[in-house]
Amino acid sequence: MKAVIIGLVIIGAAIFAILPETVLGFGLGWGDDVLTFLRGGVPVAAIIIGLVAIFIGVADVKDRAEAKAEAKKDAENAA
């Protein structure tokens, strides 16, 4: 329960920081800074996620090739 309350407080603080002061009469007005951060961070995150996906795909292909070779070897030994 404590973690839920702390999470809600952190989300509330983030919303307070993003809100412009003119909307509700309070807020820090960091919305433009947040958008700038996202514009710079999203492409970098996409590149990192893409690289991880490539590495996982290569490992999967290698694992399938090893499994196929092992199955073939087992079939030869059984015969």
N, C-alpha and C. Protein backbone atom coordinates (compact mmCIF):
# COMPACT_ATOMS: atom_id res chain seq x y z
N MET A 1 0.83 -1.19 0.00
CA MET A 1 0.00 0.00 0.00
C MET A 1 0.87 1.25 0.00
N LYS A 2 1.98 1.15 0.73
CA LYS A 2 2.88 2.29 0.82
C LYS A 2 3.46 2.63 -0.56
N ALA A 3 3.78 1.60 -1.35
CA ALA A 3 4.34 1.82 -2.69
C ALA A 3 3.33 2.50 -3.59
N VAL A 4 2.05 2.14 -3.47
CA VAL A 4 1.01 2.78 -4.29
C VAL A 4 0.90 4.26 -3.95
N ILE A 5 0.92 4.58 -2.69
CA ILE A 5 0.83 5.98 -2.26
C ILE A 5 2.04 6.76 -2.75
N ILE A 6 3.22 6.19 -2.59
CA ILE A 6 4.44 6.87 -3.07
C ILE A 6 4.38 7.05 -4.58
N GLY A 7 3.91 6.05 -5.31
CA GLY A 7 3.78 6.16 -6.76
C GLY A 7 2.82 7.28 -7.15
N LEU A 8 1.68 7.37 -6.46
CA LEU A 8 0.72 8.44 -6.76
C LEU A 8 1.30 9.82 -6.45
N VAL A 9 2.06 9.93 -5.39
CA VAL A 9 2.69 11.21 -5.05
C VAL A 9 3.71 11.61 -6.12
N ILE A 10 4.49 10.66 -6.60
CA ILE A 10 5.49 10.94 -7.63
C ILE A 10 4.81 11.34 -8.93
N ILE A 11 3.74 10.64 -9.31
CA ILE A 11 3.01 11.00 -10.53
C ILE A 11 2.40 12.40 -10.38
N GLY A 12 1.85 12.70 -9.22
CA GLY A 12 1.30 14.04 -8.97
C GLY A 12 2.37 15.12 -9.07
N ALA A 13 3.56 14.84 -8.55
CA ALA A 13 4.66 15.81 -8.63
C ALA A 13 5.09 16.02 -10.07
N ALA A 14 5.10 14.94 -10.85
CA ALA A 14 5.49 15.05 -12.26
C ALA A 14 4.46 15.88 -13.03
N ILE A 15 3.19 15.64 -12.77
CA ILE A 15 2.14 16.42 -13.44
C ILE A 15 2.24 17.88 -13.03
N PHE A 16 2.48 18.14 -11.77
CA PHE A 16 2.66 19.52 -11.29
C PHE A 16 3.82 20.19 -12.01
N ALA A 17 4.91 19.47 -12.22
CA ALA A 17 6.07 20.05 -12.89
C ALA A 17 5.80 20.33 -14.36
N ILE A 18 4.98 19.51 -15.01
CA ILE A 18 4.72 19.68 -16.43
C ILE A 18 3.70 20.78 -16.70
N LEU A 19 2.73 20.95 -15.82
CA LEU A 19 1.66 21.93 -16.05
C LEU A 19 2.21 23.35 -16.16
N PRO A 20 1.72 24.10 -17.15
CA PRO A 20 2.09 25.52 -17.18
C PRO A 20 1.33 26.28 -16.09
N GLU A 21 1.90 27.34 -15.62
CA GLU A 21 1.33 28.10 -14.52
C GLU A 21 -0.01 28.72 -14.91
N THR A 22 -0.21 28.99 -16.18
CA THR A 22 -1.44 29.67 -16.62
C THR A 22 -2.66 28.77 -16.65
N VAL A 23 -2.49 27.46 -16.65
CA VAL A 23 -3.64 26.55 -16.78
C VAL A 23 -4.51 26.57 -15.53
N LEU A 24 -3.95 26.25 -14.43
CA LEU A 24 -4.71 26.18 -13.18
C LEU A 24 -4.23 27.17 -12.13
N GLY A 25 -3.33 28.04 -12.51
CA GLY A 25 -2.78 29.00 -11.55
C GLY A 25 -1.60 28.45 -10.79
N PHE A 26 -1.19 27.24 -11.09
CA PHE A 26 0.00 26.66 -10.46
C PHE A 26 0.65 25.70 -11.43
N GLY A 27 1.86 25.35 -11.14
CA GLY A 27 2.64 24.44 -11.99
C GLY A 27 4.01 25.05 -12.25
N LEU A 28 4.95 24.23 -12.66
CA LEU A 28 6.31 24.70 -12.92
C LEU A 28 6.54 25.05 -14.39
N GLY A 29 5.69 24.57 -15.28
CA GLY A 29 5.81 24.91 -16.68
C GLY A 29 6.97 24.22 -17.40
N TRP A 30 7.27 23.00 -17.01
CA TRP A 30 8.38 22.27 -17.63
C TRP A 30 7.95 21.47 -18.84
N GLY A 31 6.75 21.67 -19.32
CA GLY A 31 6.21 20.89 -20.42
C GLY A 31 7.06 20.95 -21.67
N ASP A 32 7.54 22.15 -22.03
CA ASP A 32 8.39 22.27 -23.22
C ASP A 32 9.70 21.52 -23.05
N ASP A 33 10.26 21.55 -21.85
CA ASP A 33 11.50 20.82 -21.59
C ASP A 33 11.27 19.31 -21.68
N VAL A 34 10.13 18.86 -21.20
CA VAL A 34 9.82 17.44 -21.27
C VAL A 34 9.68 17.00 -22.72
N LEU A 35 9.00 17.81 -23.54
CA LEU A 35 8.86 17.47 -24.96
C LEU A 35 10.21 17.47 -25.67
N THR A 36 11.08 18.40 -25.33
CA THR A 36 12.43 18.42 -25.91
C THR A 36 13.19 17.16 -25.54
N PHE A 37 13.09 16.76 -24.28
CA PHE A 37 13.74 15.54 -23.83
C PHE A 37 13.21 14.32 -24.59
N LEU A 38 11.89 14.25 -24.75
CA LEU A 38 11.30 13.12 -25.46
C LEU A 38 11.71 13.11 -26.92
N ARG A 39 11.75 14.28 -27.55
CA ARG A 39 12.18 14.34 -28.95
C ARG A 39 13.60 13.83 -29.12
N GLY A 40 14.45 14.07 -28.16
CA GLY A 40 15.83 13.59 -28.24
C GLY A 40 15.99 12.16 -27.76
N GLY A 41 15.16 11.75 -26.82
CA GLY A 41 15.32 10.44 -26.21
C GLY A 41 14.66 9.31 -26.96
N VAL A 42 13.56 9.58 -27.63
CA VAL A 42 12.83 8.52 -28.32
C VAL A 42 13.66 7.90 -29.44
N PRO A 43 14.32 8.68 -30.31
CA PRO A 43 15.15 8.03 -31.34
C PRO A 43 16.29 7.20 -30.76
N VAL A 44 16.90 7.68 -29.71
CA VAL A 44 17.99 6.93 -29.08
C VAL A 44 17.46 5.62 -28.49
N ALA A 45 16.32 5.69 -27.82
CA ALA A 45 15.71 4.47 -27.26
C ALA A 45 15.33 3.51 -28.39
N ALA A 46 14.82 4.03 -29.51
CA ALA A 46 14.45 3.16 -30.63
C ALA A 46 15.68 2.45 -31.19
N ILE A 47 16.79 3.15 -31.28
CA ILE A 47 18.03 2.52 -31.78
C ILE A 47 18.48 1.41 -30.83
N ILE A 48 18.45 1.68 -29.54
CA ILE A 48 18.87 0.68 -28.56
C ILE A 48 17.94 -0.54 -28.60
N ILE A 49 16.63 -0.31 -28.66
CA ILE A 49 15.68 -1.42 -28.72
C ILE A 49 15.88 -2.22 -30.00
N GLY A 50 16.14 -1.53 -31.12
CA GLY A 50 16.39 -2.22 -32.37
C GLY A 50 17.62 -3.09 -32.32
N LEU A 51 18.69 -2.59 -31.71
CA LEU A 51 19.92 -3.38 -31.58
C LEU A 51 19.69 -4.62 -30.71
N VAL A 52 18.97 -4.44 -29.62
CA VAL A 52 18.67 -5.58 -28.75
C VAL A 52 17.85 -6.62 -29.51
N ALA A 53 16.88 -6.16 -30.31
CA ALA A 53 16.06 -7.08 -31.09
C ALA A 53 16.91 -7.84 -32.11
N ILE A 54 17.87 -7.16 -32.74
CA ILE A 54 18.76 -7.83 -33.69
C ILE A 54 19.59 -8.90 -32.98
N PHE A 55 20.16 -8.56 -31.82
CA PHE A 55 20.97 -9.53 -31.08
C PHE A 55 20.14 -10.73 -30.66
N ILE A 56 18.91 -10.50 -30.22
CA ILE A 56 18.03 -11.61 -29.83
C ILE A 56 17.71 -12.47 -31.04
N GLY A 57 17.46 -11.84 -32.19
CA GLY A 57 17.17 -12.59 -33.41
C GLY A 57 18.34 -13.45 -33.85
N VAL A 58 19.55 -12.89 -33.79
CA VAL A 58 20.74 -13.65 -34.18
C VAL A 58 20.94 -14.84 -33.23
N ALA A 59 20.75 -14.61 -31.94
CA ALA A 59 20.90 -15.70 -30.97
C ALA A 59 19.84 -16.78 -31.21
N ASP A 60 18.63 -16.37 -31.57
CA ASP A 60 17.57 -17.33 -31.84
C ASP A 60 17.90 -18.18 -33.07
N VAL A 61 18.42 -17.55 -34.11
CA VAL A 61 18.80 -18.30 -35.32
C VAL A 61 19.91 -19.30 -34.98
N LYS A 62 20.89 -18.87 -34.21
CA LYS A 62 21.97 -19.78 -33.81
C LYS A 62 21.44 -20.95 -32.99
N ASP A 63 20.53 -20.66 -32.05
CA ASP A 63 19.96 -21.73 -31.21
C ASP A 63 19.18 -22.74 -32.05
N ARG A 64 18.42 -22.23 -33.03
CA ARG A 64 17.65 -23.14 -33.88
C ARG A 64 18.58 -24.00 -34.72
N ALA A 65 19.67 -23.41 -35.22
CA ALA A 65 20.63 -24.17 -36.02
C ALA A 65 21.29 -25.25 -35.17
N GLU A 66 21.65 -24.92 -33.93
CA GLU A 66 22.25 -25.90 -33.03
C GLU A 66 21.26 -27.01 -32.70
N ALA A 67 20.01 -26.66 -32.47
CA ALA A 67 19.00 -27.67 -32.14
C ALA A 67 18.77 -28.59 -33.34
N LYS A 68 18.76 -28.03 -34.53
CA LYS A 68 18.56 -28.84 -35.73
C LYS A 68 19.74 -29.79 -35.93
N ALA A 69 20.97 -29.28 -35.72
CA ALA A 69 22.15 -30.12 -35.86
C ALA A 69 22.16 -31.22 -34.80
N GLU A 70 21.75 -30.90 -33.59
CA GLU A 70 21.70 -31.89 -32.51
C GLU A 70 20.63 -32.95 -32.81
N ALA A 71 19.49 -32.52 -33.32
CA ALA A 71 18.44 -33.48 -33.67
C ALA A 71 18.91 -34.40 -34.78
N LYS A 72 19.62 -33.87 -35.75
CA LYS A 72 20.14 -34.69 -36.85
C LYS A 72 21.17 -35.69 -36.32
N LYS A 73 22.02 -35.23 -35.39
CA LYS A 73 23.04 -36.11 -34.81
C LYS A 73 22.37 -37.22 -33.99
N ASP A 74 21.32 -36.87 -33.24
CA ASP A 74 20.59 -37.88 -32.46
C ASP A 74 19.93 -38.91 -33.38
N ALA A 75 19.39 -38.43 -34.50
CA ALA A 75 18.73 -39.33 -35.46
C ALA A 75 19.75 -40.28 -36.07
N GLU A 76 20.95 -39.79 -36.35
CA GLU A 76 22.00 -40.65 -36.92
C GLU A 76 22.46 -41.68 -35.89
N ASN A 77 22.57 -41.28 -34.64
CA ASN A 77 23.00 -42.20 -33.58
C ASN A 77 21.95 -43.26 -33.30
N ALA A 78 20.70 -42.91 -33.44
CA ALA A 78 19.60 -43.85 -33.17
C ALA A 78 19.48 -44.89 -34.27
N ALA A 79 19.89 -44.51 -35.46
CA ALA A 79 19.74 -45.42 -36.59
C ALA A 79 20.79 -46.47 -36.65
